Amino acid sequence: MTDKPKSFNDKLILEAYVHGAVNPEKRVGWVTVGQKNNLKGLKVLVQARLNNGDIIPAGSTAYLKEEYLHTSPSVKNILKCDTMPGEFILVNMNEVEFIAPPSGDAA
């Protein structure tokens, strides 16, 4: 085992989500909340091994429904750990719509 932290059990350790204002969006005569139709990408901070054996490398981007990010109590539970710098959130993989691999220096 390496000395780098890893995430298990289909949970991703992501950068903390910064809640913004609710964005109205006009659609064919109706005004809806823009977050209902948007995905938001959050950086994966720690490599994750999923239950199916797949590896999600640190530096990837996990895309989640912005509506989930605004309403989920787990997203509002911002965590800290003495072995990691900064704040983060834990998200179950079943809430992730897709993953983009790391790019640039993170790849």
PDB file of N, CA and C in Angstrom:
ATOM      1  N   MET A   1       0.834  -1.181   0.000  1.00  0.00           N
ATOM      2  CA  MET A   1       0.000   0.000   0.000  1.00  0.00           C
ATOM      3  C   MET A   1       0.879   1.244   0.000  1.00  0.00           C
ATOM      4  N   THR A   2       0.470   2.273  -0.737  1.00  0.00           N
ATOM      5  CA  THR A   2       1.260   3.498  -0.789  1.00  0.00           C
ATOM      6  C   THR A   2       0.936   4.393   0.403  1.00  0.00           C
ATOM      7  N   ASP A   3       1.731   5.448   0.568  1.00  0.00           N
ATOM      8  CA  ASP A   3       1.514   6.358   1.679  1.00  0.00           C
ATOM      9  C   ASP A   3       0.484   7.434   1.363  1.00  0.00           C
ATOM     10  N   LYS A   4      -0.069   7.445   0.136  1.00  0.00           N
ATOM     11  CA  LYS A   4      -1.083   8.433  -0.226  1.00  0.00           C
ATOM     12  C   LYS A   4      -2.455   7.947   0.220  1.00  0.00           C
ATOM     13  N   PRO A   5      -3.325   8.863   0.683  1.00  0.00           N
ATOM     14  CA  PRO A   5      -4.667   8.441   1.078  1.00  0.00           C
ATOM     15  C   PRO A   5      -5.485   7.994  -0.134  1.00  0.00           C
ATOM     16  N   LYS A   6      -6.426   7.094   0.116  1.00  0.00           N
ATOM     17  CA  LYS A   6      -7.331   6.607  -0.919  1.00  0.00           C
ATOM     18  C   LYS A   6      -8.739   6.586  -0.347  1.00  0.00           C
ATOM     19  N   SER A   7      -9.713   6.658  -1.238  1.00  0.00           N
ATOM     20  CA  SER A   7     -11.112   6.564  -0.845  1.00  0.00           C
ATOM     21  C   SER A   7     -11.660   5.220  -1.292  1.00  0.00           C
ATOM     22  N   PHE A   8     -12.555   4.639  -0.500  1.00  0.00           N
ATOM     23  CA  PHE A   8     -13.129   3.330  -0.802  1.00  0.00           C
ATOM     24  C   PHE A   8     -14.653   3.389  -0.712  1.00  0.00           C
ATOM     25  N   ASN A   9     -15.288   2.267  -0.988  1.00  0.00           N
ATOM     26  CA  ASN A   9     -16.727   2.091  -0.809  1.00  0.00           C
ATOM     27  C   ASN A   9     -17.576   3.042  -1.644  1.00  0.00           C
ATOM     28  N   ASP A  10     -17.139   3.294  -2.858  1.00  0.00           N
ATOM     29  CA  ASP A  10     -17.897   4.131  -3.799  1.00  0.00           C
ATOM     30  C   ASP A  10     -18.146   5.539  -3.273  1.00  0.00           C
ATOM     31  N   LYS A  11     -17.233   6.051  -2.465  1.00  0.00           N
ATOM     32  CA  LYS A  11     -17.319   7.435  -2.001  1.00  0.00           C
ATOM     33  C   LYS A  11     -16.169   8.224  -2.604  1.00  0.00           C
ATOM     34  N   LEU A  12     -16.489   9.439  -3.035  1.00  0.00           N
ATOM     35  CA  LEU A  12     -15.468  10.333  -3.564  1.00  0.00           C
ATOM     36  C   LEU A  12     -15.228  11.453  -2.570  1.00  0.00           C
ATOM     37  N   ILE A  13     -13.970  11.834  -2.442  1.00  0.00           N
ATOM     38  CA  ILE A  13     -13.595  12.993  -1.631  1.00  0.00           C
ATOM     39  C   ILE A  13     -13.385  14.139  -2.619  1.00  0.00           C
ATOM     40  N   LEU A  14     -14.281  15.119  -2.546  1.00  0.00           N
ATOM     41  CA  LEU A  14     -14.299  16.221  -3.513  1.00  0.00           C
ATOM     42  C   LEU A  14     -14.043  17.546  -2.823  1.00  0.00           C
ATOM     43  N   GLU A  15     -13.583  18.514  -3.621  1.00  0.00           N
ATOM     44  CA  GLU A  15     -13.448  19.857  -3.086  1.00  0.00           C
ATOM     45  C   GLU A  15     -14.817  20.311  -2.577  1.00  0.00           C
ATOM     46  N   ALA A  16     -14.823  21.160  -1.566  1.00  0.00           N
ATOM     47  CA  ALA A  16     -16.076  21.651  -1.004  1.00  0.00           C
ATOM     48  C   ALA A  16     -16.823  22.481  -2.047  1.00  0.00           C
ATOM     49  N   TYR A  17     -18.134  22.310  -2.087  1.00  0.00           N
ATOM     50  CA  TYR A  17     -18.979  23.074  -3.007  1.00  0.00           C
ATOM     51  C   TYR A  17     -19.295  24.418  -2.383  1.00  0.00           C
ATOM     52  N   VAL A  18     -19.122  25.483  -3.153  1.00  0.00           N
ATOM     53  CA  VAL A  18     -19.435  26.830  -2.698  1.00  0.00           C
ATOM     54  C   VAL A  18     -20.829  27.169  -3.204  1.00  0.00           C
ATOM     55  N   HIS A  19     -21.762  27.328  -2.272  1.00  0.00           N
ATOM     56  CA  HIS A  19     -23.142  27.638  -2.648  1.00  0.00           C
ATOM     57  C   HIS A  19     -23.227  29.064  -3.161  1.00  0.00           C
ATOM     58  N   GLY A  20     -23.867  29.219  -4.305  1.00  0.00           N
ATOM     59  CA  GLY A  20     -24.083  30.536  -4.879  1.00  0.00           C
ATOM     60  C   GLY A  20     -25.554  30.888  -4.829  1.00  0.00           C
ATOM     61  N   ALA A  21     -25.888  31.974  -5.468  1.00  0.00           N
ATOM     62  CA  ALA A  21     -27.280  32.410  -5.520  1.00  0.00           C
ATOM     63  C   ALA A  21     -28.077  31.489  -6.434  1.00  0.00           C
ATOM     64  N   VAL A  22     -29.374  31.433  -6.193  1.00  0.00           N
ATOM     65  CA  VAL A  22     -30.271  30.673  -7.063  1.00  0.00           C
ATOM     66  C   VAL A  22     -30.421  31.459  -8.355  1.00  0.00           C
ATOM     67  N   ASN A  23     -30.204  30.779  -9.492  1.00  0.00           N
ATOM     68  CA  ASN A  23     -30.239  31.438 -10.796  1.00  0.00           C
ATOM     69  C   ASN A  23     -31.544  31.155 -11.521  1.00  0.00           C
ATOM     70  N   PRO A  24     -32.380  32.194 -11.746  1.00  0.00           N
ATOM     71  CA  PRO A  24     -33.603  31.965 -12.523  1.00  0.00           C
ATOM     72  C   PRO A  24     -33.259  31.752 -13.997  1.00  0.00           C
ATOM     73  N   GLU A  25     -34.017  30.881 -14.640  1.00  0.00           N
ATOM     74  CA  GLU A  25     -33.784  30.567 -16.048  1.00  0.00           C
ATOM     75  C   GLU A  25     -35.135  30.539 -16.754  1.00  0.00           C
ATOM     76  N   LYS A  26     -35.288  31.310 -17.823  1.00  0.00           N
ATOM     77  CA  LYS A  26     -36.566  31.383 -18.527  1.00  0.00           C
ATOM     78  C   LYS A  26     -36.601  30.336 -19.631  1.00  0.00           C
ATOM     79  N   ARG A  27     -37.699  29.576 -19.664  1.00  0.00           N
ATOM     80  CA  ARG A  27     -37.891  28.542 -20.681  1.00  0.00           C
ATOM     81  C   ARG A  27     -39.325  28.593 -21.165  1.00  0.00           C
ATOM     82  N   VAL A  28     -39.535  28.943 -22.384  1.00  0.00           N
ATOM     83  CA  VAL A  28     -40.838  28.925 -23.040  1.00  0.00           C
ATOM     84  C   VAL A  28     -41.947  29.430 -22.115  1.00  0.00           C
ATOM     85  N   GLY A  29     -41.798  30.644 -21.637  1.00  0.00           N
ATOM     86  CA  GLY A  29     -42.829  31.254 -20.824  1.00  0.00           C
ATOM     87  C   GLY A  29     -42.794  30.904 -19.349  1.00  0.00           C
ATOM     88  N   TRP A  30     -41.959  29.960 -18.949  1.00  0.00           N
ATOM     89  CA  TRP A  30     -41.847  29.558 -17.552  1.00  0.00           C
ATOM     90  C   TRP A  30     -40.479  29.958 -17.013  1.00  0.00           C
ATOM     91  N   VAL A  31     -40.447  30.356 -15.779  1.00  0.00           N
ATOM     92  CA  VAL A  31     -39.169  30.632 -15.126  1.00  0.00           C
ATOM     93  C   VAL A  31     -38.898  29.473 -14.171  1.00  0.00           C
ATOM     94  N   THR A  32     -37.746  28.841 -14.345  1.00  0.00           N
ATOM     95  CA  THR A  32     -37.356  27.740 -13.471  1.00  0.00           C
ATOM     96  C   THR A  32     -36.045  28.099 -12.776  1.00  0.00           C
ATOM     97  N   VAL A  33     -35.664  27.294 -11.828  1.00  0.00           N
ATOM     98  CA  VAL A  33     -34.378  27.466 -11.159  1.00  0.00           C
ATOM     99  C   VAL A  33     -33.320  26.827 -12.046  1.00  0.00           C
ATOM    100  N   GLY A  34     -32.317  27.606 -12.450  1.00  0.00           N
ATOM    101  CA  GLY A  34     -31.282  27.116 -13.352  1.00  0.00           C
ATOM    102  C   GLY A  34     -30.546  25.898 -12.834  1.00  0.00           C
ATOM    103  N   GLN A  35     -30.413  25.775 -11.504  1.00  0.00           N
ATOM    104  CA  GLN A  35     -29.677  24.658 -10.928  1.00  0.00           C
ATOM    105  C   GLN A  35     -30.343  23.307 -11.211  1.00  0.00           C
ATOM    106  N   LYS A  36     -31.641  23.288 -11.521  1.00  0.00           N
ATOM    107  CA  LYS A  36     -32.329  22.031 -11.808  1.00  0.00           C
ATOM    108  C   LYS A  36     -31.819  21.399 -13.096  1.00  0.00           C
ATOM    109  N   ASN A  37     -31.246  22.201 -13.995  1.00  0.00           N
ATOM    110  CA  ASN A  37     -30.848  21.719 -15.312  1.00  0.00           C
ATOM    111  C   ASN A  37     -29.346  21.720 -15.532  1.00  0.00           C
ATOM    112  N   ASN A  38     -28.575  22.029 -14.517  1.00  0.00           N
ATOM    113  CA  ASN A  38     -27.130  22.172 -14.688  1.00  0.00           C
ATOM    114  C   ASN A  38     -26.355  21.089 -13.944  1.00  0.00           C
ATOM    115  N   LEU A  39     -25.178  20.804 -14.485  1.00  0.00           N
ATOM    116  CA  LEU A  39     -24.218  19.946 -13.793  1.00  0.00           C
ATOM    117  C   LEU A  39     -23.059  20.815 -13.344  1.00  0.00           C
ATOM    118  N   LYS A  40     -22.478  20.481 -12.218  1.00  0.00           N
ATOM    119  CA  LYS A  40     -21.349  21.225 -11.672  1.00  0.00           C
ATOM    120  C   LYS A  40     -20.193  20.261 -11.474  1.00  0.00           C
ATOM    121  N   GLY A  41     -19.021  20.645 -11.947  1.00  0.00           N
ATOM    122  CA  GLY A  41     -17.834  19.813 -11.793  1.00  0.00           C
ATOM    123  C   GLY A  41     -17.067  20.169 -10.537  1.00  0.00           C
ATOM    124  N   LEU A  42     -16.746  19.162  -9.745  1.00  0.00           N
ATOM    125  CA  LEU A  42     -15.933  19.344  -8.547  1.00  0.00           C
ATOM    126  C   LEU A  42     -14.705  18.447  -8.645  1.00  0.00           C
ATOM    127  N   LYS A  43     -13.586  18.966  -8.215  1.00  0.00           N
ATOM    128  CA  LYS A  43     -12.314  18.249  -8.309  1.00  0.00           C
ATOM    129  C   LYS A  43     -12.253  17.100  -7.301  1.00  0.00           C
ATOM    130  N   VAL A  44     -11.793  15.939  -7.795  1.00  0.00           N
ATOM    131  CA  VAL A  44     -11.563  14.779  -6.940  1.00  0.00           C
ATOM    132  C   VAL A  44     -10.213  14.995  -6.253  1.00  0.00           C
ATOM    133  N   LEU A  45     -10.218  15.035  -4.928  1.00  0.00           N
ATOM    134  CA  LEU A  45      -9.003  15.363  -4.179  1.00  0.00           C
ATOM    135  C   LEU A  45      -8.143  14.144  -3.852  1.00  0.00           C
ATOM    136  N   VAL A  46      -8.778  12.973  -3.757  1.00  0.00           N
ATOM    137  CA  VAL A  46      -8.080  11.758  -3.346  1.00  0.00           C
ATOM    138  C   VAL A  46      -8.471  10.628  -4.287  1.00  0.00           C
ATOM    139  N   GLN A  47      -7.487   9.836  -4.717  1.00  0.00           N
ATOM    140  CA  GLN A  47      -7.781   8.686  -5.572  1.00  0.00           C
ATOM    141  C   GLN A  47      -8.829   7.798  -4.906  1.00  0.00           C
ATOM    142  N   ALA A  48      -9.786   7.313  -5.699  1.00  0.00           N
ATOM    143  CA  ALA A  48     -10.834   6.441  -5.165  1.00  0.00           C
ATOM    144  C   ALA A  48     -10.814   5.101  -5.879  1.00  0.00           C
ATOM    145  N   ARG A  49     -10.993   4.036  -5.116  1.00  0.00           N
ATOM    146  CA  ARG A  49     -11.184   2.698  -5.676  1.00  0.00           C
ATOM    147  C   ARG A  49     -12.654   2.360  -5.476  1.00  0.00           C
ATOM    148  N   LEU A  50     -13.360   2.186  -6.599  1.00  0.00           N
ATOM    149  CA  LEU A  50     -14.781   1.882  -6.541  1.00  0.00           C
ATOM    150  C   LEU A  50     -15.002   0.402  -6.249  1.00  0.00           C
ATOM    151  N   ASN A  51     -16.201   0.062  -5.822  1.00  0.00           N
ATOM    152  CA  ASN A  51     -16.524  -1.327  -5.489  1.00  0.00           C
ATOM    153  C   ASN A  51     -16.359  -2.266  -6.683  1.00  0.00           C
ATOM    154  N   ASN A  52     -16.496  -1.745  -7.915  1.00  0.00           N
ATOM    155  CA  ASN A  52     -16.329  -2.588  -9.107  1.00  0.00           C
ATOM    156  C   ASN A  52     -14.865  -2.709  -9.525  1.00  0.00           C
ATOM    157  N   GLY A  53     -13.944  -2.098  -8.773  1.00  0.00           N
ATOM    158  CA  GLY A  53     -12.520  -2.193  -9.065  1.00  0.00           C
ATOM    159  C   GLY A  53     -11.958  -1.021  -9.851  1.00  0.00           C
ATOM    160  N   ASP A  54     -12.825  -0.186 -10.418  1.00  0.00           N
ATOM    161  CA  ASP A  54     -12.353   0.989 -11.157  1.00  0.00           C
ATOM    162  C   ASP A  54     -11.624   1.948 -10.221  1.00  0.00           C
ATOM    163  N   ILE A  55     -10.656   2.657 -10.783  1.00  0.00           N
ATOM    164  CA  ILE A  55      -9.903   3.670 -10.041  1.00  0.00           C
ATOM    165  C   ILE A  55     -10.262   5.041 -10.604  1.00  0.00           C
ATOM    166  N   ILE A  56     -10.604   5.973  -9.728  1.00  0.00           N
ATOM    167  CA  ILE A  56     -10.820   7.376 -10.102  1.00  0.00           C
ATOM    168  C   ILE A  56      -9.604   8.138  -9.586  1.00  0.00           C
ATOM    169  N   PRO A  57      -8.748   8.631 -10.507  1.00  0.00           N
ATOM    170  CA  PRO A  57      -7.540   9.313 -10.042  1.00  0.00           C
ATOM    171  C   PRO A  57      -7.833  10.683  -9.432  1.00  0.00           C
ATOM    172  N   ALA A  58      -7.014  11.058  -8.468  1.00  0.00           N
ATOM    173  CA  ALA A  58      -7.066  12.419  -7.933  1.00  0.00           C
ATOM    174  C   ALA A  58      -6.815  13.381  -9.088  1.00  0.00           C
ATOM    175  N   GLY A  59      -7.478  14.527  -9.050  1.00  0.00           N
ATOM    176  CA  GLY A  59      -7.345  15.508 -10.127  1.00  0.00           C
ATOM    177  C   GLY A  59      -8.429  15.371 -11.182  1.00  0.00           C
ATOM    178  N   SER A  60      -9.186  14.268 -11.147  1.00  0.00           N
ATOM    179  CA  SER A  60     -10.328  14.115 -12.053  1.00  0.00           C
ATOM    180  C   SER A  60     -11.399  15.121 -11.651  1.00  0.00           C
ATOM    181  N   THR A  61     -12.400  15.284 -12.508  1.00  0.00           N
ATOM    182  CA  THR A  61     -13.531  16.142 -12.188  1.00  0.00           C
ATOM    183  C   THR A  61     -14.793  15.296 -12.174  1.00  0.00           C
ATOM    184  N   ALA A  62     -15.505  15.335 -11.052  1.00  0.00           N
ATOM    185  CA  ALA A  62     -16.773  14.627 -10.906  1.00  0.00           C
ATOM    186  C   ALA A  62     -17.896  15.620 -11.148  1.00  0.00           C
ATOM    187  N   TYR A  63     -18.804  15.274 -12.051  1.00  0.00           N
ATOM    188  CA  TYR A  63     -19.928  16.156 -12.375  1.00  0.00           C
ATOM    189  C   TYR A  63     -21.183  15.654 -11.685  1.00  0.00           C
ATOM    190  N   LEU A  64     -21.802  16.555 -10.908  1.00  0.00           N
ATOM    191  CA  LEU A  64     -23.005  16.245 -10.154  1.00  0.00           C
ATOM    192  C   LEU A  64     -24.097  17.242 -10.529  1.00  0.00           C
ATOM    193  N   LYS A  65     -25.353  16.833 -10.343  1.00  0.00           N
ATOM    194  CA  LYS A  65     -26.460  17.754 -10.580  1.00  0.00           C
ATOM    195  C   LYS A  65     -26.363  18.878  -9.558  1.00  0.00           C
ATOM    196  N   GLU A  66     -26.457  20.101 -10.056  1.00  0.00           N
ATOM    197  CA  GLU A  66     -26.334  21.244  -9.164  1.00  0.00           C
ATOM    198  C   GLU A  66     -27.494  21.286  -8.166  1.00  0.00           C
ATOM    199  N   GLU A  67     -28.628  20.770  -8.560  1.00  0.00           N
ATOM    200  CA  GLU A  67     -29.766  20.686  -7.643  1.00  0.00           C
ATOM    201  C   GLU A  67     -29.392  19.833  -6.424  1.00  0.00           C
ATOM    202  N   TYR A  68     -28.716  18.704  -6.651  1.00  0.00           N
ATOM    203  CA  TYR A  68     -28.260  17.854  -5.550  1.00  0.00           C
ATOM    204  C   TYR A  68     -27.297  18.626  -4.643  1.00  0.00           C
ATOM    205  N   LEU A  69     -26.391  19.383  -5.253  1.00  0.00           N
ATOM    206  CA  LEU A  69     -25.417  20.141  -4.465  1.00  0.00           C
ATOM    207  C   LEU A  69     -26.082  21.211  -3.597  1.00  0.00           C
ATOM    208  N   HIS A  70     -27.222  21.723  -4.046  1.00  0.00           N
ATOM    209  CA  HIS A  70     -27.936  22.744  -3.281  1.00  0.00           C
ATOM    210  C   HIS A  70     -28.818  22.147  -2.189  1.00  0.00           C
ATOM    211  N   THR A  71     -29.235  20.893  -2.329  1.00  0.00           N
ATOM    212  CA  THR A  71     -30.222  20.345  -1.400  1.00  0.00           C
ATOM    213  C   THR A  71     -29.695  19.250  -0.480  1.00  0.00           C
ATOM    214  N   SER A  72     -28.584  18.637  -0.788  1.00  0.00           N
ATOM    215  CA  SER A  72     -28.103  17.494  -0.012  1.00  0.00           C
ATOM    216  C   SER A  72     -27.468  17.913   1.315  1.00  0.00           C
ATOM    217  N   PRO A  73     -27.922  17.343   2.414  1.00  0.00           N
ATOM    218  CA  PRO A  73     -27.290  17.637   3.704  1.00  0.00           C
ATOM    219  C   PRO A  73     -25.822  17.211   3.750  1.00  0.00           C
ATOM    220  N   SER A  74     -25.463  16.132   3.039  1.00  0.00           N
ATOM    221  CA  SER A  74     -24.074  15.679   3.075  1.00  0.00           C
ATOM    222  C   SER A  74     -23.132  16.673   2.409  1.00  0.00           C
ATOM    223  N   VAL A  75     -23.616  17.403   1.419  1.00  0.00           N
ATOM    224  CA  VAL A  75     -22.784  18.411   0.750  1.00  0.00           C
ATOM    225  C   VAL A  75     -22.575  19.623   1.663  1.00  0.00           C
ATOM    226  N   LYS A  76     -23.558  19.902   2.485  1.00  0.00           N
ATOM    227  CA  LYS A  76     -23.442  21.020   3.424  1.00  0.00           C
ATOM    228  C   LYS A  76     -22.537  20.666   4.604  1.00  0.00           C
ATOM    229  N   ASN A  77     -22.264  19.375   4.779  1.00  0.00           N
ATOM    230  CA  ASN A  77     -21.392  18.904   5.855  1.00  0.00           C
ATOM    231  C   ASN A  77     -19.940  18.950   5.371  1.00  0.00           C
ATOM    232  N   ILE A  78     -19.350  20.125   5.424  1.00  0.00           N
ATOM    233  CA  ILE A  78     -17.969  20.321   4.965  1.00  0.00           C
ATOM    234  C   ILE A  78     -17.027  19.777   6.034  1.00  0.00           C
ATOM    235  N   LEU A  79     -16.095  18.938   5.581  1.00  0.00           N
ATOM    236  CA  LEU A  79     -15.201  18.229   6.488  1.00  0.00           C
ATOM    237  C   LEU A  79     -13.779  18.763   6.423  1.00  0.00           C
ATOM    238  N   LYS A  80     -13.029  18.499   7.489  1.00  0.00           N
ATOM    239  CA  LYS A  80     -11.594  18.785   7.558  1.00  0.00           C
ATOM    240  C   LYS A  80     -10.918  17.554   8.133  1.00  0.00           C
ATOM    241  N   CYS A  81      -9.647  17.408   7.807  1.00  0.00           N
ATOM    242  CA  CYS A  81      -8.890  16.269   8.311  1.00  0.00           C
ATOM    243  C   CYS A  81      -7.445  16.717   8.506  1.00  0.00           C
ATOM    244  N   ASP A  82      -6.816  16.245   9.554  1.00  0.00           N
ATOM    245  CA  ASP A  82      -5.447  16.690   9.832  1.00  0.00           C
ATOM    246  C   ASP A  82      -4.428  16.146   8.836  1.00  0.00           C
ATOM    247  N   THR A  83      -4.804  15.166   8.019  1.00  0.00           N
ATOM    248  CA  THR A  83      -3.866  14.636   7.022  1.00  0.00           C
ATOM    249  C   THR A  83      -4.081  15.227   5.625  1.00  0.00           C
ATOM    250  N   MET A  84      -5.078  16.095   5.483  1.00  0.00           N
ATOM    251  CA  MET A  84      -5.350  16.723   4.185  1.00  0.00           C
ATOM    252  C   MET A  84      -5.482  18.226   4.363  1.00  0.00           C
ATOM    253  N   PRO A  85      -4.930  18.989   3.433  1.00  0.00           N
ATOM    254  CA  PRO A  85      -5.110  20.432   3.508  1.00  0.00           C
ATOM    255  C   PRO A  85      -6.499  20.824   2.998  1.00  0.00           C
ATOM    256  N   GLY A  86      -7.054  21.858   3.535  1.00  0.00           N
ATOM    257  CA  GLY A  86      -8.315  22.393   3.045  1.00  0.00           C
ATOM    258  C   GLY A  86      -9.545  21.623   3.480  1.00  0.00           C
ATOM    259  N   GLU A  87     -10.675  22.059   2.939  1.00  0.00           N
ATOM    260  CA  GLU A  87     -11.965  21.468   3.265  1.00  0.00           C
ATOM    261  C   GLU A  87     -12.432  20.585   2.121  1.00  0.00           C
ATOM    262  N   PHE A  88     -13.292  19.617   2.433  1.00  0.00           N
ATOM    263  CA  PHE A  88     -13.773  18.697   1.404  1.00  0.00           C
ATOM    264  C   PHE A  88     -15.144  18.166   1.785  1.00  0.00           C
ATOM    265  N   ILE A  89     -15.777  17.490   0.817  1.00  0.00           N
ATOM    266  CA  ILE A  89     -17.045  16.817   1.054  1.00  0.00           C
ATOM    267  C   ILE A  89     -16.924  15.369   0.597  1.00  0.00           C
ATOM    268  N   LEU A  90     -17.760  14.506   1.156  1.00  0.00           N
ATOM    269  CA  LEU A  90     -17.857  13.109   0.730  1.00  0.00           C
ATOM    270  C   LEU A  90     -19.143  12.946  -0.073  1.00  0.00           C
ATOM    271  N   VAL A  91     -19.027  12.314  -1.234  1.00  0.00           N
ATOM    272  CA  VAL A  91     -20.185  12.116  -2.108  1.00  0.00           C
ATOM    273  C   VAL A  91     -20.211  10.663  -2.548  1.00  0.00           C
ATOM    274  N   ASN A  92     -21.381  10.043  -2.470  1.00  0.00           N
ATOM    275  CA  ASN A  92     -21.541   8.684  -2.969  1.00  0.00           C
ATOM    276  C   ASN A  92     -21.490   8.690  -4.490  1.00  0.00           C
ATOM    277  N   MET A  93     -20.854   7.683  -5.033  1.00  0.00           N
ATOM    278  CA  MET A  93     -20.679   7.587  -6.478  1.00  0.00           C
ATOM    279  C   MET A  93     -22.008   7.576  -7.220  1.00  0.00           C
ATOM    280  N   ASN A  94     -23.082   7.089  -6.608  1.00  0.00           N
ATOM    281  CA  ASN A  94     -24.370   7.053  -7.299  1.00  0.00           C
ATOM    282  C   ASN A  94     -24.950   8.442  -7.549  1.00  0.00           C
ATOM    283  N   GLU A  95     -24.382   9.488  -6.949  1.00  0.00           N
ATOM    284  CA  GLU A  95     -24.821  10.866  -7.204  1.00  0.00           C
ATOM    285  C   GLU A  95     -24.036  11.512  -8.343  1.00  0.00           C
ATOM    286  N   VAL A  96     -22.988  10.845  -8.828  1.00  0.00           N
ATOM    287  CA  VAL A  96     -22.124  11.394  -9.870  1.00  0.00           C
ATOM    288  C   VAL A  96     -22.676  11.011 -11.240  1.00  0.00           C
ATOM    289  N   GLU A  97     -22.819  12.003 -12.108  1.00  0.00           N
ATOM    290  CA  GLU A  97     -23.343  11.762 -13.456  1.00  0.00           C
ATOM    291  C   GLU A  97     -22.248  11.247 -14.392  1.00  0.00           C
ATOM    292  N   PHE A  98     -21.053  11.845 -14.322  1.00  0.00           N
ATOM    293  CA  PHE A  98     -19.910  11.357 -15.083  1.00  0.00           C
ATOM    294  C   PHE A  98     -18.631  11.926 -14.505  1.00  0.00           C
ATOM    295  N   ILE A  99     -17.511  11.328 -14.919  1.00  0.00           N
ATOM    296  CA  ILE A  99     -16.170  11.734 -14.449  1.00  0.00           C
ATOM    297  C   ILE A  99     -15.343  12.121 -15.666  1.00  0.00           C
ATOM    298  N   ALA A 100     -14.677  13.263 -15.567  1.00  0.00           N
ATOM    299  CA  ALA A 100     -13.702  13.663 -16.591  1.00  0.00           C
ATOM    300  C   ALA A 100     -12.310  13.394 -16.021  1.00  0.00           C
ATOM    301  N   PRO A 101     -11.450  12.771 -16.813  1.00  0.00           N
ATOM    302  CA  PRO A 101     -10.102  12.461 -16.315  1.00  0.00           C
ATOM    303  C   PRO A 101      -9.307  13.734 -16.055  1.00  0.00           C
ATOM    304  N   PRO A 102      -8.245  13.602 -15.260  1.00  0.00           N
ATOM    305  CA  PRO A 102      -7.395  14.778 -15.011  1.00  0.00           C
ATOM    306  C   PRO A 102      -6.772  15.264 -16.314  1.00  0.00           C
ATOM    307  N   SER A 103      -6.499  16.541 -16.347  1.00  0.00           N
ATOM    308  CA  SER A 103      -5.843  17.105 -17.535  1.00  0.00           C
ATOM    309  C   SER A 103      -4.655  17.947 -17.097  1.00  0.00           C
ATOM    310  N   GLY A 104      -3.786  18.239 -18.025  1.00  0.00           N
ATOM    311  CA  GLY A 104      -2.627  19.078 -17.742  1.00  0.00           C
ATOM    312  C   GLY A 104      -1.673  18.412 -16.773  1.00  0.00           C
ATOM    313  N   ASP A 105      -1.212  19.179 -15.776  1.00  0.00           N
ATOM    314  CA  ASP A 105      -0.228  18.688 -14.814  1.00  0.00           C
ATOM    315  C   ASP A 105      -0.773  17.578 -13.929  1.00  0.00           C
ATOM    316  N   ALA A 106      -2.097  17.543 -13.739  1.00  0.00           N
ATOM    317  CA  ALA A 106      -2.693  16.542 -12.854  1.00  0.00           C
ATOM    318  C   ALA A 106      -2.755  15.172 -13.509  1.00  0.00           C
ATOM    319  N   ALA A 107      -2.627  15.098 -14.834  1.00  0.00           N
ATOM    320  CA  ALA A 107      -2.762  13.826 -15.551  1.00  0.00           C
ATOM    321  C   ALA A 107      -1.561  12.928 -15.319  1.00  0.00           C
TER     322      ALA A 107
END
